[in-house]
Amino acid sequence: MDMAKKVAVVVGGGSGMGRATAELLAERGATVAVLDLPQGKGPQAVAEIGGDATFHPCDVTDETGTEQALDAVLERHGAVHIAVNTAGGGYSKRTISRQGPLPLADFRKIVELNLIATFNLNRLQAWHMSKNEPDEQGERGVIVNTSSIAAFEGQIGQVAYTAAKAGIAGMSLTMARDLGGLGIRVTAIAPSLFATGLLEGAPPALIADLTRDAAFPKRAGLPHEFAWLAEAIIKNPMLNGQTIRLDGGQRFAPK
């Protein structure tokens, strides 16, 4: 898909990989709509991106609020052609500990934040995309979700996060098949450790320890490297129905 003059929704676009992607898409001529938490860095990101970029406050765990935010994008910009979804998160808790079993509410919270929120975004984004006029290749939209290499080799304590990210990876092909007849592609990116969030500005020694199993480069990924892959997916119509690892050859050890 040619990004010029297309409307791109970047969820989690206020910081990290989402912001880098929003900036790159704007550079490529897309009109960018950033969805992020009301108290986040979305307004600052939009101000610095400039142009027709807009900010729409959104908590992805709020079903109604998410729908309203996407409706606001449609009202302001008239369409949704590209969606890059980076919102999510997790923490480390084992299946059982000395305190007892992992509280089911804790497991449910991580699945809600990552997997269910992503599907909610996807179903709404795809609905808006389905109303677009197809381009010369018959394409109406592209969805890029964010999984994790933890989906494939989750570490000790990542059981909830692994389940959620594996679910995102697992949706790629089925959803691509669901939407293929409409000319809508669906993929996911599975990053390793990236220099965002808690790792942003972390001591070099810590980063070196965490990335010791990588083949090359032995460092945390950089936000713009995620953006480069998102751009490649959007541009290349043959990238569909899959989850692409972005990990420098790293495979997580058990801990």
C-alpha atoms as a PDB file:
ATOM      1  CA  MET A   1       0.000   0.000   0.000  1.00  0.00           C
ATOM      2  CA  ASP A   2       1.218   3.460  -0.886  1.00  0.00           C
ATOM      3  CA  MET A   3       1.227   5.410   2.379  1.00  0.00           C
ATOM      4  CA  ALA A   4       0.893   8.829   0.769  1.00  0.00           C
ATOM      5  CA  LYS A   5      -2.464  10.456   1.476  1.00  0.00           C
ATOM      6  CA  LYS A   6      -3.612   7.464   3.523  1.00  0.00           C
ATOM      7  CA  VAL A   7      -4.942   7.667   7.075  1.00  0.00           C
ATOM      8  CA  ALA A   8      -2.832   5.717   9.571  1.00  0.00           C
ATOM      9  CA  VAL A   9      -3.995   4.954  13.108  1.00  0.00           C
ATOM     10  CA  VAL A  10      -1.124   4.244  15.497  1.00  0.00           C
ATOM     11  CA  VAL A  11      -2.278   2.892  18.844  1.00  0.00           C
ATOM     12  CA  GLY A  12       0.344   3.549  21.498  1.00  0.00           C
ATOM     13  CA  GLY A  13       1.784   6.213  19.216  1.00  0.00           C
ATOM     14  CA  GLY A  14       2.759   8.586  21.998  1.00  0.00           C
ATOM     15  CA  SER A  15       6.070   6.895  22.756  1.00  0.00           C
ATOM     16  CA  GLY A  16       8.468   4.086  21.912  1.00  0.00           C
ATOM     17  CA  MET A  17       7.872   1.898  18.873  1.00  0.00           C
ATOM     18  CA  GLY A  18       4.475   3.442  18.257  1.00  0.00           C
ATOM     19  CA  ARG A  19       5.825   6.957  18.139  1.00  0.00           C
ATOM     20  CA  ALA A  20       8.689   5.979  15.834  1.00  0.00           C
ATOM     21  CA  THR A  21       6.145   4.375  13.521  1.00  0.00           C
ATOM     22  CA  ALA A  22       3.852   7.402  13.608  1.00  0.00           C
ATOM     23  CA  GLU A  23       6.768   9.676  12.730  1.00  0.00           C
ATOM     24  CA  LEU A  24       7.888   7.482   9.833  1.00  0.00           C
ATOM     25  CA  LEU A  25       4.396   7.141   8.385  1.00  0.00           C
ATOM     26  CA  ALA A  26       3.955  10.906   8.538  1.00  0.00           C
ATOM     27  CA  GLU A  27       7.273  11.314   6.707  1.00  0.00           C
ATOM     28  CA  ARG A  28       5.939   8.991   4.013  1.00  0.00           C
ATOM     29  CA  GLY A  29       2.911  11.219   3.471  1.00  0.00           C
ATOM     30  CA  ALA A  30       0.301   9.525   5.641  1.00  0.00           C
ATOM     31  CA  THR A  31      -2.106  11.437   7.839  1.00  0.00           C
ATOM     32  CA  VAL A  32      -1.459  10.079  11.316  1.00  0.00           C
ATOM     33  CA  ALA A  33      -3.949   9.648  14.136  1.00  0.00           C
ATOM     34  CA  VAL A  34      -2.314   8.784  17.457  1.00  0.00           C
ATOM     35  CA  LEU A  35      -4.338   6.867  20.044  1.00  0.00           C
ATOM     36  CA  ASP A  36      -2.840   6.698  23.507  1.00  0.00           C
ATOM     37  CA  LEU A  37      -3.736   7.047  27.163  1.00  0.00           C
ATOM     38  CA  PRO A  38      -5.139  10.459  28.133  1.00  0.00           C
ATOM     39  CA  GLN A  39      -2.261  11.021  30.549  1.00  0.00           C
ATOM     40  CA  GLY A  40       0.381   9.786  28.085  1.00  0.00           C
ATOM     41  CA  LYS A  41       2.690  11.528  25.639  1.00  0.00           C
ATOM     42  CA  GLY A  42       0.300  11.500  22.693  1.00  0.00           C
ATOM     43  CA  PRO A  43      -0.331  15.260  22.536  1.00  0.00           C
ATOM     44  CA  GLN A  44       3.392  15.984  22.599  1.00  0.00           C
ATOM     45  CA  ALA A  45       4.042  13.421  19.862  1.00  0.00           C
ATOM     46  CA  VAL A  46       1.340  14.894  17.636  1.00  0.00           C
ATOM     47  CA  ALA A  47       2.632  18.427  18.180  1.00  0.00           C
ATOM     48  CA  GLU A  48       6.110  17.366  17.101  1.00  0.00           C
ATOM     49  CA  ILE A  49       4.888  15.309  14.139  1.00  0.00           C
ATOM     50  CA  GLY A  50       2.895  18.313  12.947  1.00  0.00           C
ATOM     51  CA  GLY A  51       0.881  18.492   9.751  1.00  0.00           C
ATOM     52  CA  ASP A  52      -2.595  16.965  10.002  1.00  0.00           C
ATOM     53  CA  ALA A  53      -1.644  14.599  12.838  1.00  0.00           C
ATOM     54  CA  THR A  54      -4.271  14.301  15.559  1.00  0.00           C
ATOM     55  CA  PHE A  55      -4.398  12.858  19.060  1.00  0.00           C
ATOM     56  CA  HIS A  56      -7.320  10.808  20.326  1.00  0.00           C
ATOM     57  CA  PRO A  57      -7.257   9.741  23.997  1.00  0.00           C
ATOM     58  CA  CYS A  58      -7.907   6.042  24.384  1.00  0.00           C
ATOM     59  CA  ASP A  59      -7.601   3.325  27.011  1.00  0.00           C
ATOM     60  CA  VAL A  60      -7.587   0.123  24.949  1.00  0.00           C
ATOM     61  CA  THR A  61      -9.150  -1.851  27.801  1.00  0.00           C
ATOM     62  CA  ASP A  62     -12.233   0.383  27.567  1.00  0.00           C
ATOM     63  CA  GLU A  63     -14.369  -1.197  24.830  1.00  0.00           C
ATOM     64  CA  THR A  64     -16.721   1.744  24.392  1.00  0.00           C
ATOM     65  CA  GLY A  65     -13.977   4.341  24.665  1.00  0.00           C
ATOM     66  CA  THR A  66     -11.907   2.561  22.008  1.00  0.00           C
ATOM     67  CA  GLU A  67     -14.834   2.523  19.617  1.00  0.00           C
ATOM     68  CA  GLN A  68     -15.443   6.206  20.251  1.00  0.00           C
ATOM     69  CA  ALA A  69     -11.793   7.068  19.622  1.00  0.00           C
ATOM     70  CA  LEU A  70     -11.813   5.270  16.252  1.00  0.00           C
ATOM     71  CA  ASP A  71     -15.112   6.922  15.349  1.00  0.00           C
ATOM     72  CA  ALA A  72     -13.462  10.271  16.105  1.00  0.00           C
ATOM     73  CA  VAL A  73     -10.621   9.406  13.718  1.00  0.00           C
ATOM     74  CA  LEU A  74     -13.140   8.578  11.013  1.00  0.00           C
ATOM     75  CA  GLU A  75     -15.064  11.788  11.633  1.00  0.00           C
ATOM     76  CA  ARG A  76     -11.909  13.885  11.486  1.00  0.00           C
ATOM     77  CA  HIS A  77     -10.040  12.193   8.635  1.00  0.00           C
ATOM     78  CA  GLY A  78     -12.738  10.346   6.717  1.00  0.00           C
ATOM     79  CA  ALA A  79     -11.178   6.874   6.617  1.00  0.00           C
ATOM     80  CA  VAL A  80      -8.793   4.358   8.198  1.00  0.00           C
ATOM     81  CA  HIS A  81      -6.369   2.673   5.780  1.00  0.00           C
ATOM     82  CA  ILE A  82      -3.488   1.630   8.032  1.00  0.00           C
ATOM     83  CA  ALA A  83      -3.527   0.470  11.658  1.00  0.00           C
ATOM     84  CA  VAL A  84      -0.433  -0.211  13.746  1.00  0.00           C
ATOM     85  CA  ASN A  85      -1.242  -1.435  17.248  1.00  0.00           C
ATOM     86  CA  THR A  86       1.553  -1.316  19.835  1.00  0.00           C
ATOM     87  CA  ALA A  87      -0.287  -0.840  23.140  1.00  0.00           C
ATOM     88  CA  GLY A  88       0.229  -3.555  25.756  1.00  0.00           C
ATOM     89  CA  GLY A  89       2.415  -4.646  28.624  1.00  0.00           C
ATOM     90  CA  GLY A  90       3.032  -7.270  31.254  1.00  0.00           C
ATOM     91  CA  TYR A  91       4.784  -8.313  34.445  1.00  0.00           C
ATOM     92  CA  SER A  92       6.477 -11.373  35.873  1.00  0.00           C
ATOM     93  CA  LYS A  93       4.407 -13.769  37.990  1.00  0.00           C
ATOM     94  CA  ARG A  94       4.760 -17.543  38.088  1.00  0.00           C
ATOM     95  CA  THR A  95       1.889 -19.983  37.753  1.00  0.00           C
ATOM     96  CA  ILE A  96       2.299 -20.772  41.439  1.00  0.00           C
ATOM     97  CA  SER A  97       4.484 -19.220  44.123  1.00  0.00           C
ATOM     98  CA  ARG A  98       4.937 -19.561  47.868  1.00  0.00           C
ATOM     99  CA  GLN A  99       1.887 -17.344  48.237  1.00  0.00           C
ATOM    100  CA  GLY A 100      -0.252 -19.745  46.206  1.00  0.00           C
ATOM    101  CA  PRO A 101      -1.591 -19.921  42.647  1.00  0.00           C
ATOM    102  CA  LEU A 102      -1.337 -16.952  40.315  1.00  0.00           C
ATOM    103  CA  PRO A 103      -4.524 -14.950  40.966  1.00  0.00           C
ATOM    104  CA  LEU A 104      -6.855 -15.470  38.043  1.00  0.00           C
ATOM    105  CA  ALA A 105      -7.634 -11.751  38.007  1.00  0.00           C
ATOM    106  CA  ASP A 106      -3.957 -11.011  37.336  1.00  0.00           C
ATOM    107  CA  PHE A 107      -3.878 -13.436  34.402  1.00  0.00           C
ATOM    108  CA  ARG A 108      -7.113 -12.041  33.037  1.00  0.00           C
ATOM    109  CA  LYS A 109      -5.818  -8.464  33.267  1.00  0.00           C
ATOM    110  CA  ILE A 110      -2.782  -9.194  31.073  1.00  0.00           C
ATOM    111  CA  VAL A 111      -4.866 -11.075  28.522  1.00  0.00           C
ATOM    112  CA  GLU A 112      -7.376  -8.221  28.490  1.00  0.00           C
ATOM    113  CA  LEU A 113      -4.700  -5.567  27.987  1.00  0.00           C
ATOM    114  CA  ASN A 114      -2.862  -7.388  25.209  1.00  0.00           C
ATOM    115  CA  LEU A 115      -4.997  -9.962  23.414  1.00  0.00           C
ATOM    116  CA  ILE A 116      -8.587  -8.869  23.905  1.00  0.00           C
ATOM    117  CA  ALA A 117      -7.778  -5.190  23.434  1.00  0.00           C
ATOM    118  CA  THR A 118      -5.916  -6.008  20.215  1.00  0.00           C
ATOM    119  CA  PHE A 119      -8.831  -8.010  18.838  1.00  0.00           C
ATOM    120  CA  ASN A 120     -11.253  -5.244  19.768  1.00  0.00           C
ATOM    121  CA  LEU A 121      -9.105  -2.753  17.890  1.00  0.00           C
ATOM    122  CA  ASN A 122      -8.813  -5.106  14.918  1.00  0.00           C
ATOM    123  CA  ARG A 123     -12.517  -5.776  14.540  1.00  0.00           C
ATOM    124  CA  LEU A 124     -13.305  -2.057  14.625  1.00  0.00           C
ATOM    125  CA  GLN A 125     -10.396  -1.056  12.386  1.00  0.00           C
ATOM    126  CA  ALA A 126     -11.303  -3.734   9.851  1.00  0.00           C
ATOM    127  CA  TRP A 127     -14.911  -2.565   9.805  1.00  0.00           C
ATOM    128  CA  HIS A 128     -13.836   0.967   8.928  1.00  0.00           C
ATOM    129  CA  MET A 129     -11.345  -0.331   6.342  1.00  0.00           C
ATOM    130  CA  SER A 130     -14.018  -2.457   4.686  1.00  0.00           C
ATOM    131  CA  LYS A 131     -15.779   0.749   3.596  1.00  0.00           C
ATOM    132  CA  ASN A 132     -12.726   2.119   1.752  1.00  0.00           C
ATOM    133  CA  GLU A 133     -12.526   2.186  -2.013  1.00  0.00           C
ATOM    134  CA  PRO A 134      -9.954  -0.456  -3.057  1.00  0.00           C
ATOM    135  CA  ASP A 135      -6.711   0.743  -4.600  1.00  0.00           C
ATOM    136  CA  GLU A 136      -5.410  -0.457  -7.972  1.00  0.00           C
ATOM    137  CA  GLN A 137      -4.389  -3.776  -6.377  1.00  0.00           C
ATOM    138  CA  GLY A 138      -7.744  -4.244  -4.691  1.00  0.00           C
ATOM    139  CA  GLU A 139      -6.361  -3.371  -1.255  1.00  0.00           C
ATOM    140  CA  ARG A 140      -8.474  -1.575   1.313  1.00  0.00           C
ATOM    141  CA  GLY A 141      -6.374  -1.733   4.464  1.00  0.00           C
ATOM    142  CA  VAL A 142      -3.410  -3.086   6.421  1.00  0.00           C
ATOM    143  CA  ILE A 143      -3.337  -4.059  10.102  1.00  0.00           C
ATOM    144  CA  VAL A 144      -0.030  -4.540  11.947  1.00  0.00           C
ATOM    145  CA  ASN A 145      -0.269  -5.914  15.487  1.00  0.00           C
ATOM    146  CA  THR A 146       2.458  -6.337  18.098  1.00  0.00           C
ATOM    147  CA  SER A 147       3.218  -9.777  19.483  1.00  0.00           C
ATOM    148  CA  SER A 148       6.532 -10.716  21.162  1.00  0.00           C
ATOM    149  CA  ILE A 149       9.158 -13.427  20.930  1.00  0.00           C
ATOM    150  CA  ALA A 150       7.806 -14.384  24.360  1.00  0.00           C
ATOM    151  CA  ALA A 151       4.913 -15.868  22.381  1.00  0.00           C
ATOM    152  CA  PHE A 152       7.297 -18.624  21.279  1.00  0.00           C
ATOM    153  CA  GLU A 153       9.760 -18.993  24.185  1.00  0.00           C
ATOM    154  CA  GLY A 154       8.265 -17.277  27.179  1.00  0.00           C
ATOM    155  CA  GLN A 155      10.475 -17.026  30.220  1.00  0.00           C
ATOM    156  CA  ILE A 156       9.752 -18.075  33.779  1.00  0.00           C
ATOM    157  CA  GLY A 157       7.043 -15.798  35.154  1.00  0.00           C
ATOM    158  CA  GLN A 158       5.710 -14.776  31.729  1.00  0.00           C
ATOM    159  CA  VAL A 159       2.832 -17.240  31.557  1.00  0.00           C
ATOM    160  CA  ALA A 160       0.091 -14.581  31.220  1.00  0.00           C
ATOM    161  CA  TYR A 161       2.095 -12.396  28.860  1.00  0.00           C
ATOM    162  CA  THR A 162       3.089 -15.394  26.742  1.00  0.00           C
ATOM    163  CA  ALA A 163      -0.512 -16.558  26.451  1.00  0.00           C
ATOM    164  CA  ALA A 164      -1.635 -13.104  25.377  1.00  0.00           C
ATOM    165  CA  LYS A 165       1.138 -12.513  22.840  1.00  0.00           C
ATOM    166  CA  ALA A 166       0.797 -16.044  21.455  1.00  0.00           C
ATOM    167  CA  GLY A 167      -2.881 -15.273  20.922  1.00  0.00           C
ATOM    168  CA  ILE A 168      -1.982 -12.169  18.912  1.00  0.00           C
ATOM    169  CA  ALA A 169       0.430 -14.212  16.794  1.00  0.00           C
ATOM    170  CA  GLY A 170      -2.191 -16.895  16.341  1.00  0.00           C
ATOM    171  CA  MET A 171      -4.788 -14.447  15.061  1.00  0.00           C
ATOM    172  CA  SER A 172      -2.680 -13.281  12.124  1.00  0.00           C
ATOM    173  CA  LEU A 173      -3.440 -16.015   9.597  1.00  0.00           C
ATOM    174  CA  THR A 174      -7.042 -16.620  10.607  1.00  0.00           C
ATOM    175  CA  MET A 175      -7.906 -12.945  10.549  1.00  0.00           C
ATOM    176  CA  ALA A 176      -6.064 -12.476   7.249  1.00  0.00           C
ATOM    177  CA  ARG A 177      -8.252 -15.259   5.849  1.00  0.00           C
ATOM    178  CA  ASP A 178     -11.369 -13.661   7.322  1.00  0.00           C
ATOM    179  CA  LEU A 179     -10.566 -10.320   5.710  1.00  0.00           C
ATOM    180  CA  GLY A 180      -8.727 -11.329   2.547  1.00  0.00           C
ATOM    181  CA  GLY A 181     -11.844 -11.147   0.412  1.00  0.00           C
ATOM    182  CA  LEU A 182     -12.144  -7.487   1.363  1.00  0.00           C
ATOM    183  CA  GLY A 183      -8.551  -6.674   0.468  1.00  0.00           C
ATOM    184  CA  ILE A 184      -7.434  -6.205   4.084  1.00  0.00           C
ATOM    185  CA  ARG A 185      -4.115  -7.666   5.235  1.00  0.00           C
ATOM    186  CA  VAL A 186      -3.229  -8.639   8.808  1.00  0.00           C
ATOM    187  CA  THR A 187       0.243  -9.276  10.222  1.00  0.00           C
ATOM    188  CA  ALA A 188       2.034  -9.085  13.547  1.00  0.00           C
ATOM    189  CA  ILE A 189       5.559  -8.119  14.552  1.00  0.00           C
ATOM    190  CA  ALA A 190       7.199 -10.109  17.362  1.00  0.00           C
ATOM    191  CA  PRO A 191       9.982  -7.959  18.841  1.00  0.00           C
ATOM    192  CA  SER A 192      12.627  -9.089  21.273  1.00  0.00           C
ATOM    193  CA  LEU A 193      13.828  -6.642  23.927  1.00  0.00           C
ATOM    194  CA  PHE A 194      13.539  -3.057  22.703  1.00  0.00           C
ATOM    195  CA  ALA A 195      14.883   0.153  24.199  1.00  0.00           C
ATOM    196  CA  THR A 196      11.472   1.442  25.202  1.00  0.00           C
ATOM    197  CA  GLY A 197       9.538   1.753  28.433  1.00  0.00           C
ATOM    198  CA  LEU A 198      11.456   0.378  31.401  1.00  0.00           C
ATOM    199  CA  LEU A 199      14.486  -0.459  29.246  1.00  0.00           C
ATOM    200  CA  GLU A 200      14.815   3.048  27.839  1.00  0.00           C
ATOM    201  CA  GLY A 201      17.959   4.487  29.358  1.00  0.00           C
ATOM    202  CA  ALA A 202      18.801   1.266  31.230  1.00  0.00           C
ATOM    203  CA  PRO A 203      22.472   0.710  32.169  1.00  0.00           C
ATOM    204  CA  PRO A 204      24.536  -0.838  29.351  1.00  0.00           C
ATOM    205  CA  ALA A 205      25.558  -3.732  31.597  1.00  0.00           C
ATOM    206  CA  LEU A 206      21.915  -4.678  32.151  1.00  0.00           C
ATOM    207  CA  ILE A 207      21.130  -4.490  28.438  1.00  0.00           C
ATOM    208  CA  ALA A 208      24.190  -6.610  27.659  1.00  0.00           C
ATOM    209  CA  ASP A 209      23.055  -9.275  30.117  1.00  0.00           C
ATOM    210  CA  LEU A 210      19.499  -9.324  28.768  1.00  0.00           C
ATOM    211  CA  THR A 211      20.633  -9.618  25.142  1.00  0.00           C
ATOM    212  CA  ARG A 212      23.538 -12.051  25.626  1.00  0.00           C
ATOM    213  CA  ASP A 213      21.664 -14.771  23.698  1.00  0.00           C
ATOM    214  CA  ALA A 214      21.210 -12.655  20.556  1.00  0.00           C
ATOM    215  CA  ALA A 215      23.203 -13.564  17.452  1.00  0.00           C
ATOM    216  CA  PHE A 216      23.707 -10.016  16.159  1.00  0.00           C
ATOM    217  CA  PRO A 217      23.388  -7.262  17.097  1.00  0.00           C
ATOM    218  CA  LYS A 218      23.837  -7.927  20.801  1.00  0.00           C
ATOM    219  CA  ARG A 219      21.795  -4.983  21.985  1.00  0.00           C
ATOM    220  CA  ALA A 220      18.225  -3.937  22.521  1.00  0.00           C
ATOM    221  CA  GLY A 221      16.221  -3.102  19.427  1.00  0.00           C
ATOM    222  CA  LEU A 222      15.631   0.542  18.621  1.00  0.00           C
ATOM    223  CA  PRO A 223      12.167   2.022  18.062  1.00  0.00           C
ATOM    224  CA  HIS A 224      12.935   3.092  14.508  1.00  0.00           C
ATOM    225  CA  GLU A 225      13.851  -0.506  13.637  1.00  0.00           C
ATOM    226  CA  PHE A 226      10.319  -1.555  14.536  1.00  0.00           C
ATOM    227  CA  ALA A 227       9.019   1.308  12.398  1.00  0.00           C
ATOM    228  CA  TRP A 228      11.136   0.141   9.440  1.00  0.00           C
ATOM    229  CA  LEU A 229       9.514  -3.296   9.568  1.00  0.00           C
ATOM    230  CA  ALA A 230       6.027  -1.826   9.913  1.00  0.00           C
ATOM    231  CA  GLU A 231       6.727   0.284   6.827  1.00  0.00           C
ATOM    232  CA  ALA A 232       7.939  -2.774   4.887  1.00  0.00           C
ATOM    233  CA  ILE A 233       4.777  -4.677   5.797  1.00  0.00           C
ATOM    234  CA  ILE A 234       2.540  -1.822   4.720  1.00  0.00           C
ATOM    235  CA  LYS A 235       4.363  -1.419   1.401  1.00  0.00           C
ATOM    236  CA  ASN A 236       4.592  -5.099   0.454  1.00  0.00           C
ATOM    237  CA  PRO A 237       1.240  -6.711  -0.447  1.00  0.00           C
ATOM    238  CA  MET A 238       2.701 -10.227  -0.181  1.00  0.00           C
ATOM    239  CA  LEU A 239       3.285  -9.841   3.554  1.00  0.00           C
ATOM    240  CA  ASN A 240       0.098 -11.188   5.032  1.00  0.00           C
ATOM    241  CA  GLY A 241      -1.190 -13.656   7.605  1.00  0.00           C
ATOM    242  CA  GLN A 242       2.064 -14.079   9.484  1.00  0.00           C
ATOM    243  CA  THR A 243       4.004 -13.010  12.556  1.00  0.00           C
ATOM    244  CA  ILE A 244       7.498 -11.719  11.810  1.00  0.00           C
ATOM    245  CA  ARG A 245      10.207 -11.926  14.468  1.00  0.00           C
ATOM    246  CA  LEU A 246      12.321  -8.813  14.973  1.00  0.00           C
ATOM    247  CA  ASP A 247      14.956 -10.079  17.358  1.00  0.00           C
ATOM    248  CA  GLY A 248      18.564 -10.073  16.102  1.00  0.00           C
ATOM    249  CA  GLY A 249      18.503 -13.874  16.272  1.00  0.00           C
ATOM    250  CA  GLN A 250      17.720 -13.880  19.992  1.00  0.00           C
ATOM    251  CA  ARG A 251      15.963 -16.801  21.657  1.00  0.00           C
ATOM    252  CA  PHE A 252      14.880 -16.265  25.245  1.00  0.00           C
ATOM    253  CA  ALA A 253      16.446 -18.574  27.814  1.00  0.00           C
ATOM    254  CA  PRO A 254      14.166 -19.846  30.610  1.00  0.00           C
ATOM    255  CA  LYS A 255      15.207 -16.871  32.729  1.00  0.00           C
END
